[in-house]
Amino acid sequence: PHWELAKKYNLIDFELGVKIAGAGFPVYLGKGARLQRALVQYFLDKNVEKGYTEVNPPHVVNEASGFGTGQLPDKEGQMYYINEDKLYLIPTAEVPVTNLYRDVLLDEKDLPIKNTAFSQCYRREAGSYGAHVRGLNRLHQFEKVEIVRIEKPENSYAVLEEMVEHIKEILTDLELPFRVLRLCGGDTGFASAMTYDFEVWSAAQEMWLEVSSVSNFETFQANRLKCRYKGDGKSQLVHTLNGSAMALPRIMAALLENNQTADGIKLPKKIAEYARFDVIN
């Protein structure tokens, strides 16, 4: 599995992270750090090619921002809170990026809005334990590239399918076996109207690992954010959508596990171009 490969090739030091901060805060080293950076750059470039505008947002948000996107008052137990400043560390770039449009009246000609952002993500993951959270499978701090859309209501479901195809394209470039799941109502987050999950196959762990989730929130977030657009002389709520494009830890795990050869770990062609090396040995 990837935690053994990470140790063998000196890519990730989990014990060093425990010493510095605690479990779930790995230290990436050498080619491990370079591979992370290459993946982030590739994901951002891929999103920008599709017309997304890159945003570099704050990594902390206030309570109003957490409420706007639906993290509060639902997931406060999973978020890191800075008591003295009454700020939350972000669990995903979705929160600050979507909140760019809080209390905003957009003009119809401003739509659609397409943003992408790279950020560190911070999650307490309280109650998570066992073999399925070993290594990179579940972390307290991890890297993720997010895509966020602000759309007219009549376009949002066509846009959701477009986002799904975009994630498929990325996973195809990564040469990873994957599957797409449309979640049933009971598994969908309370803020989302429809969600697709993407999972990649972990050869060494013999299990599917979730690497992306793409959702249409319809007017749920827009209503909280008071984000509207004006067209035909009247204003109405926008629809918001977002997705991971992509979350890095499990992508890294799958790349290490699925690409083992006699000569080392061979990187997919597209990623090797960004990393400037094609084999980890």
C-alpha atoms as a PDB file:
ATOM      1  CA  PRO A   1       0.000   0.000   0.000  1.00  0.00           C
ATOM      2  CA  HIS A   2       0.957   3.633  -0.462  1.00  0.00           C
ATOM      3  CA  TRP A   3       2.191   4.161   3.111  1.00  0.00           C
ATOM      4  CA  GLU A   4       4.836   1.461   2.565  1.00  0.00           C
ATOM      5  CA  LEU A   5       5.783   2.884  -0.839  1.00  0.00           C
ATOM      6  CA  ALA A   6       5.989   6.381   0.664  1.00  0.00           C
ATOM      7  CA  LYS A   7       8.473   5.094   3.232  1.00  0.00           C
ATOM      8  CA  LYS A   8      10.445   2.985   0.742  1.00  0.00           C
ATOM      9  CA  TYR A   9      11.001   5.909  -1.640  1.00  0.00           C
ATOM     10  CA  ASN A  10      11.177   8.606   1.078  1.00  0.00           C
ATOM     11  CA  LEU A  11       8.164  10.494  -0.322  1.00  0.00           C
ATOM     12  CA  ILE A  12       6.038  11.092   2.784  1.00  0.00           C
ATOM     13  CA  ASP A  13       7.003  10.954   6.460  1.00  0.00           C
ATOM     14  CA  PHE A  14       3.927  10.300   8.592  1.00  0.00           C
ATOM     15  CA  GLU A  15       5.901   9.933  11.847  1.00  0.00           C
ATOM     16  CA  LEU A  16       7.596  13.304  11.392  1.00  0.00           C
ATOM     17  CA  GLY A  17       4.167  14.888  10.977  1.00  0.00           C
ATOM     18  CA  VAL A  18       3.057  13.281  14.246  1.00  0.00           C
ATOM     19  CA  LYS A  19       6.077  14.783  16.013  1.00  0.00           C
ATOM     20  CA  ILE A  20       5.425  18.271  14.648  1.00  0.00           C
ATOM     21  CA  ALA A  21       1.625  18.422  14.872  1.00  0.00           C
ATOM     22  CA  GLY A  22      -0.077  15.056  15.415  1.00  0.00           C
ATOM     23  CA  ALA A  23      -1.599  12.228  13.389  1.00  0.00           C
ATOM     24  CA  GLY A  24      -3.122  13.262  10.073  1.00  0.00           C
ATOM     25  CA  PHE A  25      -0.527  15.943   9.240  1.00  0.00           C
ATOM     26  CA  PRO A  26       1.994  14.244   6.914  1.00  0.00           C
ATOM     27  CA  VAL A  27       5.272  15.774   5.740  1.00  0.00           C
ATOM     28  CA  TYR A  28       5.937  15.450   1.991  1.00  0.00           C
ATOM     29  CA  LEU A  29       9.582  15.101   0.977  1.00  0.00           C
ATOM     30  CA  GLY A  30      11.631  15.201  -2.230  1.00  0.00           C
ATOM     31  CA  LYS A  31       9.769  13.690  -5.160  1.00  0.00           C
ATOM     32  CA  GLY A  32       6.677  13.345  -2.960  1.00  0.00           C
ATOM     33  CA  ALA A  33       6.543  17.127  -2.491  1.00  0.00           C
ATOM     34  CA  ARG A  34       7.325  17.724  -6.168  1.00  0.00           C
ATOM     35  CA  LEU A  35       4.574  15.325  -7.256  1.00  0.00           C
ATOM     36  CA  GLN A  36       2.072  17.167  -5.035  1.00  0.00           C
ATOM     37  CA  ARG A  37       3.079  20.488  -6.599  1.00  0.00           C
ATOM     38  CA  ALA A  38       2.854  19.036 -10.115  1.00  0.00           C
ATOM     39  CA  LEU A  39      -0.657  17.698  -9.472  1.00  0.00           C
ATOM     40  CA  VAL A  40      -1.864  21.061  -8.122  1.00  0.00           C
ATOM     41  CA  GLN A  41      -0.440  22.910 -11.137  1.00  0.00           C
ATOM     42  CA  TYR A  42      -1.927  20.400 -13.575  1.00  0.00           C
ATOM     43  CA  PHE A  43      -5.392  20.597 -11.963  1.00  0.00           C
ATOM     44  CA  LEU A  44      -5.375  24.413 -11.950  1.00  0.00           C
ATOM     45  CA  ASP A  45      -4.190  24.608 -15.564  1.00  0.00           C
ATOM     46  CA  LYS A  46      -6.819  22.084 -16.646  1.00  0.00           C
ATOM     47  CA  ASN A  47      -9.544  24.134 -14.946  1.00  0.00           C
ATOM     48  CA  VAL A  48      -8.316  27.433 -16.394  1.00  0.00           C
ATOM     49  CA  GLU A  49      -8.302  25.830 -19.873  1.00  0.00           C
ATOM     50  CA  LYS A  50     -12.022  25.134 -19.329  1.00  0.00           C
ATOM     51  CA  GLY A  51     -12.707  28.815 -18.675  1.00  0.00           C
ATOM     52  CA  TYR A  52     -12.391  28.968 -14.880  1.00  0.00           C
ATOM     53  CA  THR A  53     -10.820  32.054 -13.287  1.00  0.00           C
ATOM     54  CA  GLU A  54      -8.194  31.253 -10.669  1.00  0.00           C
ATOM     55  CA  VAL A  55      -8.784  32.684  -7.176  1.00  0.00           C
ATOM     56  CA  ASN A  56      -6.435  32.600  -4.178  1.00  0.00           C
ATOM     57  CA  PRO A  57      -8.769  32.954  -1.155  1.00  0.00           C
ATOM     58  CA  PRO A  58      -8.184  33.258   2.619  1.00  0.00           C
ATOM     59  CA  HIS A  59      -7.805  29.990   4.538  1.00  0.00           C
ATOM     60  CA  VAL A  60      -9.970  31.261   7.398  1.00  0.00           C
ATOM     61  CA  VAL A  61     -13.610  32.374   7.318  1.00  0.00           C
ATOM     62  CA  ASN A  62     -16.032  34.005   9.718  1.00  0.00           C
ATOM     63  CA  GLU A  63     -19.291  32.509  10.949  1.00  0.00           C
ATOM     64  CA  ALA A  64     -21.387  34.283   8.308  1.00  0.00           C
ATOM     65  CA  SER A  65     -19.323  32.650   5.552  1.00  0.00           C
ATOM     66  CA  GLY A  66     -19.673  29.197   7.114  1.00  0.00           C
ATOM     67  CA  PHE A  67     -23.426  29.714   7.374  1.00  0.00           C
ATOM     68  CA  GLY A  68     -23.673  30.923   3.777  1.00  0.00           C
ATOM     69  CA  THR A  69     -22.350  27.709   2.236  1.00  0.00           C
ATOM     70  CA  GLY A  70     -24.038  25.361   4.724  1.00  0.00           C
ATOM     71  CA  GLN A  71     -21.106  24.235   6.888  1.00  0.00           C
ATOM     72  CA  LEU A  72     -22.681  25.998   9.870  1.00  0.00           C
ATOM     73  CA  PRO A  73     -24.588  25.091  11.935  1.00  0.00           C
ATOM     74  CA  ASP A  74     -24.154  21.552  10.578  1.00  0.00           C
ATOM     75  CA  LYS A  75     -20.427  20.710  10.610  1.00  0.00           C
ATOM     76  CA  GLU A  76     -18.922  22.942  13.298  1.00  0.00           C
ATOM     77  CA  GLY A  77     -17.724  19.822  15.148  1.00  0.00           C
ATOM     78  CA  GLN A  78     -15.572  18.934  12.138  1.00  0.00           C
ATOM     79  CA  MET A  79     -14.053  22.414  11.708  1.00  0.00           C
ATOM     80  CA  TYR A  80     -11.031  23.900  13.456  1.00  0.00           C
ATOM     81  CA  TYR A  81     -12.024  27.054  15.349  1.00  0.00           C
ATOM     82  CA  ILE A  82      -9.751  29.926  16.398  1.00  0.00           C
ATOM     83  CA  ASN A  83     -11.522  31.066  19.533  1.00  0.00           C
ATOM     84  CA  GLU A  84      -9.684  34.373  20.088  1.00  0.00           C
ATOM     85  CA  ASP A  85     -10.532  35.622  16.592  1.00  0.00           C
ATOM     86  CA  LYS A  86     -13.837  33.784  16.083  1.00  0.00           C
ATOM     87  CA  LEU A  87     -12.615  32.369  12.773  1.00  0.00           C
ATOM     88  CA  TYR A  88     -12.810  28.883  11.261  1.00  0.00           C
ATOM     89  CA  LEU A  89     -10.085  27.153   9.229  1.00  0.00           C
ATOM     90  CA  ILE A  90     -11.624  26.256   5.881  1.00  0.00           C
ATOM     91  CA  PRO A  91     -12.589  22.618   5.196  1.00  0.00           C
ATOM     92  CA  THR A  92     -12.619  23.399   1.451  1.00  0.00           C
ATOM     93  CA  ALA A  93     -12.019  26.402  -0.829  1.00  0.00           C
ATOM     94  CA  GLU A  94     -15.725  26.191  -1.700  1.00  0.00           C
ATOM     95  CA  VAL A  95     -16.473  28.229   1.438  1.00  0.00           C
ATOM     96  CA  PRO A  96     -14.432  31.398   0.802  1.00  0.00           C
ATOM     97  CA  VAL A  97     -14.849  31.304  -2.998  1.00  0.00           C
ATOM     98  CA  THR A  98     -18.654  30.984  -2.932  1.00  0.00           C
ATOM     99  CA  ASN A  99     -18.787  33.712  -0.280  1.00  0.00           C
ATOM    100  CA  LEU A 100     -17.198  36.151  -2.716  1.00  0.00           C
ATOM    101  CA  TYR A 101     -20.794  36.573  -3.902  1.00  0.00           C
ATOM    102  CA  ARG A 102     -22.488  36.936  -0.518  1.00  0.00           C
ATOM    103  CA  ASP A 103     -24.841  39.957  -0.433  1.00  0.00           C
ATOM    104  CA  VAL A 104     -24.238  40.597  -4.127  1.00  0.00           C
ATOM    105  CA  LEU A 105     -26.795  41.481  -6.796  1.00  0.00           C
ATOM    106  CA  LEU A 106     -25.350  40.298 -10.098  1.00  0.00           C
ATOM    107  CA  ASP A 107     -26.391  41.424 -13.540  1.00  0.00           C
ATOM    108  CA  GLU A 108     -27.647  38.716 -15.875  1.00  0.00           C
ATOM    109  CA  LYS A 109     -24.743  39.450 -18.226  1.00  0.00           C
ATOM    110  CA  ASP A 110     -22.286  38.580 -15.393  1.00  0.00           C
ATOM    111  CA  LEU A 111     -23.405  34.943 -15.524  1.00  0.00           C
ATOM    112  CA  PRO A 112     -22.109  32.313 -15.647  1.00  0.00           C
ATOM    113  CA  ILE A 113     -19.312  32.763 -13.098  1.00  0.00           C
ATOM    114  CA  LYS A 114     -16.629  30.049 -13.066  1.00  0.00           C
ATOM    115  CA  ASN A 115     -13.909  30.081 -10.393  1.00  0.00           C
ATOM    116  CA  THR A 116     -11.184  27.639  -9.399  1.00  0.00           C
ATOM    117  CA  ALA A 117      -8.994  27.755  -6.294  1.00  0.00           C
ATOM    118  CA  PHE A 118      -6.206  25.754  -4.696  1.00  0.00           C
ATOM    119  CA  SER A 119      -6.087  25.658  -0.908  1.00  0.00           C
ATOM    120  CA  GLN A 120      -5.059  23.666   2.081  1.00  0.00           C
ATOM    121  CA  CYS A 121      -8.132  22.095   3.698  1.00  0.00           C
ATOM    122  CA  TYR A 122      -8.483  21.517   7.435  1.00  0.00           C
ATOM    123  CA  ARG A 123     -10.846  18.939   8.921  1.00  0.00           C
ATOM    124  CA  ARG A 124     -10.990  17.538  12.438  1.00  0.00           C
ATOM    125  CA  GLU A 125     -12.497  14.241  11.199  1.00  0.00           C
ATOM    126  CA  ALA A 126     -13.678  13.495  14.729  1.00  0.00           C
ATOM    127  CA  GLY A 127     -14.592   9.851  15.267  1.00  0.00           C
ATOM    128  CA  SER A 128     -12.572   8.552  12.289  1.00  0.00           C
ATOM    129  CA  TYR A 129     -10.384   5.558  13.056  1.00  0.00           C
ATOM    130  CA  GLY A 130      -9.452   2.103  11.749  1.00  0.00           C
ATOM    131  CA  ALA A 131      -7.570   0.691   8.758  1.00  0.00           C
ATOM    132  CA  HIS A 132      -9.639   2.647   6.217  1.00  0.00           C
ATOM    133  CA  VAL A 133      -8.170   5.925   7.484  1.00  0.00           C
ATOM    134  CA  ARG A 134      -4.531   4.798   7.368  1.00  0.00           C
ATOM    135  CA  GLY A 135      -1.868   6.735   5.465  1.00  0.00           C
ATOM    136  CA  LEU A 136      -3.329   9.324   3.095  1.00  0.00           C
ATOM    137  CA  ASN A 137      -6.859   7.918   3.242  1.00  0.00           C
ATOM    138  CA  ARG A 138      -8.046  10.516   5.754  1.00  0.00           C
ATOM    139  CA  LEU A 139      -6.090  13.561   6.923  1.00  0.00           C
ATOM    140  CA  HIS A 140      -6.613  16.648   9.067  1.00  0.00           C
ATOM    141  CA  GLN A 141      -4.758  18.849   6.558  1.00  0.00           C
ATOM    142  CA  PHE A 142      -4.677  18.200   2.827  1.00  0.00           C
ATOM    143  CA  GLU A 143      -4.462  19.956  -0.536  1.00  0.00           C
ATOM    144  CA  LYS A 144      -7.409  20.338  -2.884  1.00  0.00           C
ATOM    145  CA  VAL A 145      -8.298  22.237  -6.039  1.00  0.00           C
ATOM    146  CA  GLU A 146     -11.938  23.325  -6.176  1.00  0.00           C
ATOM    147  CA  ILE A 147     -14.255  24.516  -8.946  1.00  0.00           C
ATOM    148  CA  VAL A 148     -17.240  26.784  -8.163  1.00  0.00           C
ATOM    149  CA  ARG A 149     -20.045  27.871 -10.497  1.00  0.00           C
ATOM    150  CA  ILE A 150     -22.697  30.598 -10.170  1.00  0.00           C
ATOM    151  CA  GLU A 151     -25.438  29.933 -12.725  1.00  0.00           C
ATOM    152  CA  LYS A 152     -28.923  30.863 -13.888  1.00  0.00           C
ATOM    153  CA  PRO A 153     -31.388  28.275 -12.511  1.00  0.00           C
ATOM    154  CA  GLU A 154     -32.439  26.962 -15.911  1.00  0.00           C
ATOM    155  CA  ASN A 155     -28.828  26.081 -16.780  1.00  0.00           C
ATOM    156  CA  SER A 156     -27.629  24.475 -13.552  1.00  0.00           C
ATOM    157  CA  TYR A 157     -28.341  20.810 -14.299  1.00  0.00           C
ATOM    158  CA  ALA A 158     -26.732  20.976 -17.740  1.00  0.00           C
ATOM    159  CA  VAL A 159     -23.745  22.615 -16.012  1.00  0.00           C
ATOM    160  CA  LEU A 160     -23.652  19.815 -13.417  1.00  0.00           C
ATOM    161  CA  GLU A 161     -23.313  17.253 -16.220  1.00  0.00           C
ATOM    162  CA  GLU A 162     -20.610  19.416 -17.831  1.00  0.00           C
ATOM    163  CA  MET A 163     -18.683  19.429 -14.536  1.00  0.00           C
ATOM    164  CA  VAL A 164     -19.016  15.639 -14.290  1.00  0.00           C
ATOM    165  CA  GLU A 165     -17.506  15.271 -17.772  1.00  0.00           C
ATOM    166  CA  HIS A 166     -14.662  17.604 -16.781  1.00  0.00           C
ATOM    167  CA  ILE A 167     -13.751  15.434 -13.769  1.00  0.00           C
ATOM    168  CA  LYS A 168     -13.917  12.316 -15.951  1.00  0.00           C
ATOM    169  CA  GLU A 169     -11.444  13.952 -18.333  1.00  0.00           C
ATOM    170  CA  ILE A 170      -9.010  14.692 -15.491  1.00  0.00           C
ATOM    171  CA  LEU A 171      -9.177  11.126 -14.157  1.00  0.00           C
ATOM    172  CA  THR A 172      -8.662   9.771 -17.676  1.00  0.00           C
ATOM    173  CA  ASP A 173      -5.521  11.930 -17.994  1.00  0.00           C
ATOM    174  CA  LEU A 174      -4.331  10.473 -14.679  1.00  0.00           C
ATOM    175  CA  GLU A 175      -4.781   6.974 -16.166  1.00  0.00           C
ATOM    176  CA  LEU A 176      -6.582   5.794 -13.039  1.00  0.00           C
ATOM    177  CA  PRO A 177      -9.479   3.293 -13.001  1.00  0.00           C
ATOM    178  CA  PHE A 178     -12.515   5.178 -11.689  1.00  0.00           C
ATOM    179  CA  ARG A 179     -16.259   5.000 -11.264  1.00  0.00           C
ATOM    180  CA  VAL A 180     -18.980   7.642 -10.912  1.00  0.00           C
ATOM    181  CA  LEU A 181     -21.793   7.323  -8.365  1.00  0.00           C
ATOM    182  CA  ARG A 182     -24.932   9.442  -8.285  1.00  0.00           C
ATOM    183  CA  LEU A 183     -25.834   9.644  -4.612  1.00  0.00           C
ATOM    184  CA  CYS A 184     -29.281   8.757  -3.339  1.00  0.00           C
ATOM    185  CA  GLY A 185     -31.154  11.245  -1.160  1.00  0.00           C
ATOM    186  CA  GLY A 186     -30.060   9.610   2.084  1.00  0.00           C
ATOM    187  CA  ASP A 187     -26.358   9.950   1.199  1.00  0.00           C
ATOM    188  CA  THR A 188     -26.572  13.479  -0.210  1.00  0.00           C
ATOM    189  CA  GLY A 189     -25.484  16.344   2.055  1.00  0.00           C
ATOM    190  CA  PHE A 190     -28.338  18.405   3.457  1.00  0.00           C
ATOM    191  CA  ALA A 191     -27.337  21.475   1.402  1.00  0.00           C
ATOM    192  CA  SER A 192     -27.125  19.644  -1.944  1.00  0.00           C
ATOM    193  CA  ALA A 193     -29.924  18.878  -4.407  1.00  0.00           C
ATOM    194  CA  MET A 194     -27.851  16.390  -6.421  1.00  0.00           C
ATOM    195  CA  THR A 195     -24.334  15.009  -5.935  1.00  0.00           C
ATOM    196  CA  TYR A 196     -22.020  12.796  -7.971  1.00  0.00           C
ATOM    197  CA  ASP A 197     -19.077  11.088  -6.258  1.00  0.00           C
ATOM    198  CA  PHE A 198     -15.967   9.936  -8.102  1.00  0.00           C
ATOM    199  CA  GLU A 199     -13.941   7.023  -6.773  1.00  0.00           C
ATOM    200  CA  VAL A 200     -10.615   5.586  -7.933  1.00  0.00           C
ATOM    201  CA  TRP A 201      -9.533   1.994  -7.440  1.00  0.00           C
ATOM    202  CA  SER A 202      -6.734   1.354  -4.969  1.00  0.00           C
ATOM    203  CA  ALA A 203      -4.908  -1.734  -6.234  1.00  0.00           C
ATOM    204  CA  ALA A 204      -2.965  -2.393  -3.037  1.00  0.00           C
ATOM    205  CA  GLN A 205      -5.819  -1.726  -0.600  1.00  0.00           C
ATOM    206  CA  GLU A 206      -8.376  -3.396  -2.892  1.00  0.00           C
ATOM    207  CA  MET A 207     -10.977  -0.719  -2.270  1.00  0.00           C
ATOM    208  CA  TRP A 208     -12.547   2.315  -3.928  1.00  0.00           C
ATOM    209  CA  LEU A 209     -11.351   5.720  -2.674  1.00  0.00           C
ATOM    210  CA  GLU A 210     -13.468   8.857  -3.062  1.00  0.00           C
ATOM    211  CA  VAL A 211     -11.451  11.617  -4.759  1.00  0.00           C
ATOM    212  CA  SER A 212     -14.095  14.093  -5.896  1.00  0.00           C
ATOM    213  CA  SER A 213     -17.640  15.171  -5.202  1.00  0.00           C
ATOM    214  CA  VAL A 214     -19.622  17.422  -7.571  1.00  0.00           C
ATOM    215  CA  SER A 215     -22.875  18.995  -6.385  1.00  0.00           C
ATOM    216  CA  ASN A 216     -25.716  21.261  -7.452  1.00  0.00           C
ATOM    217  CA  PHE A 217     -27.040  23.242  -4.480  1.00  0.00           C
ATOM    218  CA  GLU A 218     -29.773  24.943  -6.504  1.00  0.00           C
ATOM    219  CA  THR A 219     -30.882  27.949  -4.377  1.00  0.00           C
ATOM    220  CA  PHE A 220     -29.914  26.570  -0.926  1.00  0.00           C
ATOM    221  CA  GLN A 221     -26.614  28.443  -0.649  1.00  0.00           C
ATOM    222  CA  ALA A 222     -27.823  31.415  -2.714  1.00  0.00           C
ATOM    223  CA  ASN A 223     -30.714  31.956  -0.307  1.00  0.00           C
ATOM    224  CA  ARG A 224     -28.360  32.005   2.683  1.00  0.00           C
ATOM    225  CA  LEU A 225     -25.805  34.118   0.833  1.00  0.00           C
ATOM    226  CA  LYS A 226     -28.465  36.504  -0.516  1.00  0.00           C
ATOM    227  CA  CYS A 227     -26.867  36.120  -3.937  1.00  0.00           C
ATOM    228  CA  ARG A 228     -29.257  37.154  -6.683  1.00  0.00           C
ATOM    229  CA  TYR A 229     -29.110  38.254 -10.286  1.00  0.00           C
ATOM    230  CA  LYS A 230     -31.171  40.834 -12.113  1.00  0.00           C
ATOM    231  CA  GLY A 231     -32.712  40.103 -15.488  1.00  0.00           C
ATOM    232  CA  ASP A 232     -35.903  41.145 -17.290  1.00  0.00           C
ATOM    233  CA  GLY A 233     -36.464  43.834 -14.677  1.00  0.00           C
ATOM    234  CA  LYS A 234     -36.640  41.443 -11.714  1.00  0.00           C
ATOM    235  CA  SER A 235     -34.132  39.798  -9.386  1.00  0.00           C
ATOM    236  CA  GLN A 236     -34.010  36.122  -8.496  1.00  0.00           C
ATOM    237  CA  LEU A 237     -31.724  33.688  -6.713  1.00  0.00           C
ATOM    238  CA  VAL A 238     -28.843  32.105  -8.601  1.00  0.00           C
ATOM    239  CA  HIS A 239     -27.959  28.412  -8.463  1.00  0.00           C
ATOM    240  CA  THR A 240     -24.554  27.460  -7.020  1.00  0.00           C
ATOM    241  CA  LEU A 241     -22.506  24.369  -7.871  1.00  0.00           C
ATOM    242  CA  ASN A 242     -19.085  23.143  -6.844  1.00  0.00           C
ATOM    243  CA  GLY A 243     -16.772  20.193  -7.120  1.00  0.00           C
ATOM    244  CA  SER A 244     -13.324  18.883  -6.253  1.00  0.00           C
ATOM    245  CA  ALA A 245     -10.985  19.057  -9.232  1.00  0.00           C
ATOM    246  CA  MET A 246      -9.272  17.365  -7.430  1.00  0.00           C
ATOM    247  CA  ALA A 247      -8.524  16.365  -3.803  1.00  0.00           C
ATOM    248  CA  LEU A 248      -4.884  15.288  -3.702  1.00  0.00           C
ATOM    249  CA  PRO A 249      -4.265  12.699  -0.935  1.00  0.00           C
ATOM    250  CA  ARG A 250      -6.170   9.739  -2.373  1.00  0.00           C
ATOM    251  CA  ILE A 251      -5.118  10.646  -5.919  1.00  0.00           C
ATOM    252  CA  MET A 252      -1.529  10.447  -4.683  1.00  0.00           C
ATOM    253  CA  ALA A 253      -2.256   7.122  -2.951  1.00  0.00           C
ATOM    254  CA  ALA A 254      -3.789   5.626  -6.105  1.00  0.00           C
ATOM    255  CA  LEU A 255      -0.977   6.907  -8.349  1.00  0.00           C
ATOM    256  CA  LEU A 256       1.636   5.267  -6.119  1.00  0.00           C
ATOM    257  CA  GLU A 257      -0.233   1.979  -5.720  1.00  0.00           C
ATOM    258  CA  ASN A 258      -1.484   1.531  -9.290  1.00  0.00           C
ATOM    259  CA  ASN A 259       1.746   2.371 -11.137  1.00  0.00           C
ATOM    260  CA  GLN A 260       4.305   0.043  -9.587  1.00  0.00           C
ATOM    261  CA  THR A 261       6.793  -1.504 -12.013  1.00  0.00           C
ATOM    262  CA  ALA A 262      10.058  -3.430 -11.688  1.00  0.00           C
ATOM    263  CA  ASP A 263      11.901  -0.129 -12.219  1.00  0.00           C
ATOM    264  CA  GLY A 264       9.882   1.901  -9.705  1.00  0.00           C
ATOM    265  CA  ILE A 265       6.661   3.902  -9.798  1.00  0.00           C
ATOM    266  CA  LYS A 266       5.964   5.167 -13.329  1.00  0.00           C
ATOM    267  CA  LEU A 267       3.984   8.419 -13.529  1.00  0.00           C
ATOM    268  CA  PRO A 268       1.221   9.050 -16.088  1.00  0.00           C
ATOM    269  CA  LYS A 269       2.524  10.986 -19.110  1.00  0.00           C
ATOM    270  CA  LYS A 270       0.560  14.188 -18.393  1.00  0.00           C
ATOM    271  CA  ILE A 271       1.778  14.378 -14.779  1.00  0.00           C
ATOM    272  CA  ALA A 272       5.371  13.468 -15.658  1.00  0.00           C
ATOM    273  CA  GLU A 273       5.464  16.553 -17.901  1.00  0.00           C
ATOM    274  CA  TYR A 274       4.568  18.749 -14.920  1.00  0.00           C
ATOM    275  CA  ALA A 275       6.732  16.918 -12.371  1.00  0.00           C
ATOM    276  CA  ARG A 276       9.761  16.851 -14.720  1.00  0.00           C
ATOM    277  CA  PHE A 277      10.446  13.239 -13.801  1.00  0.00           C
ATOM    278  CA  ASP A 278       8.639  10.112 -14.952  1.00  0.00           C
ATOM    279  CA  VAL A 279       9.792   7.454 -12.487  1.00  0.00           C
ATOM    280  CA  ILE A 280      10.080   7.326  -8.700  1.00  0.00           C
ATOM    281  CA  ASN A 281      12.859   4.904  -7.769  1.00  0.00           C
END
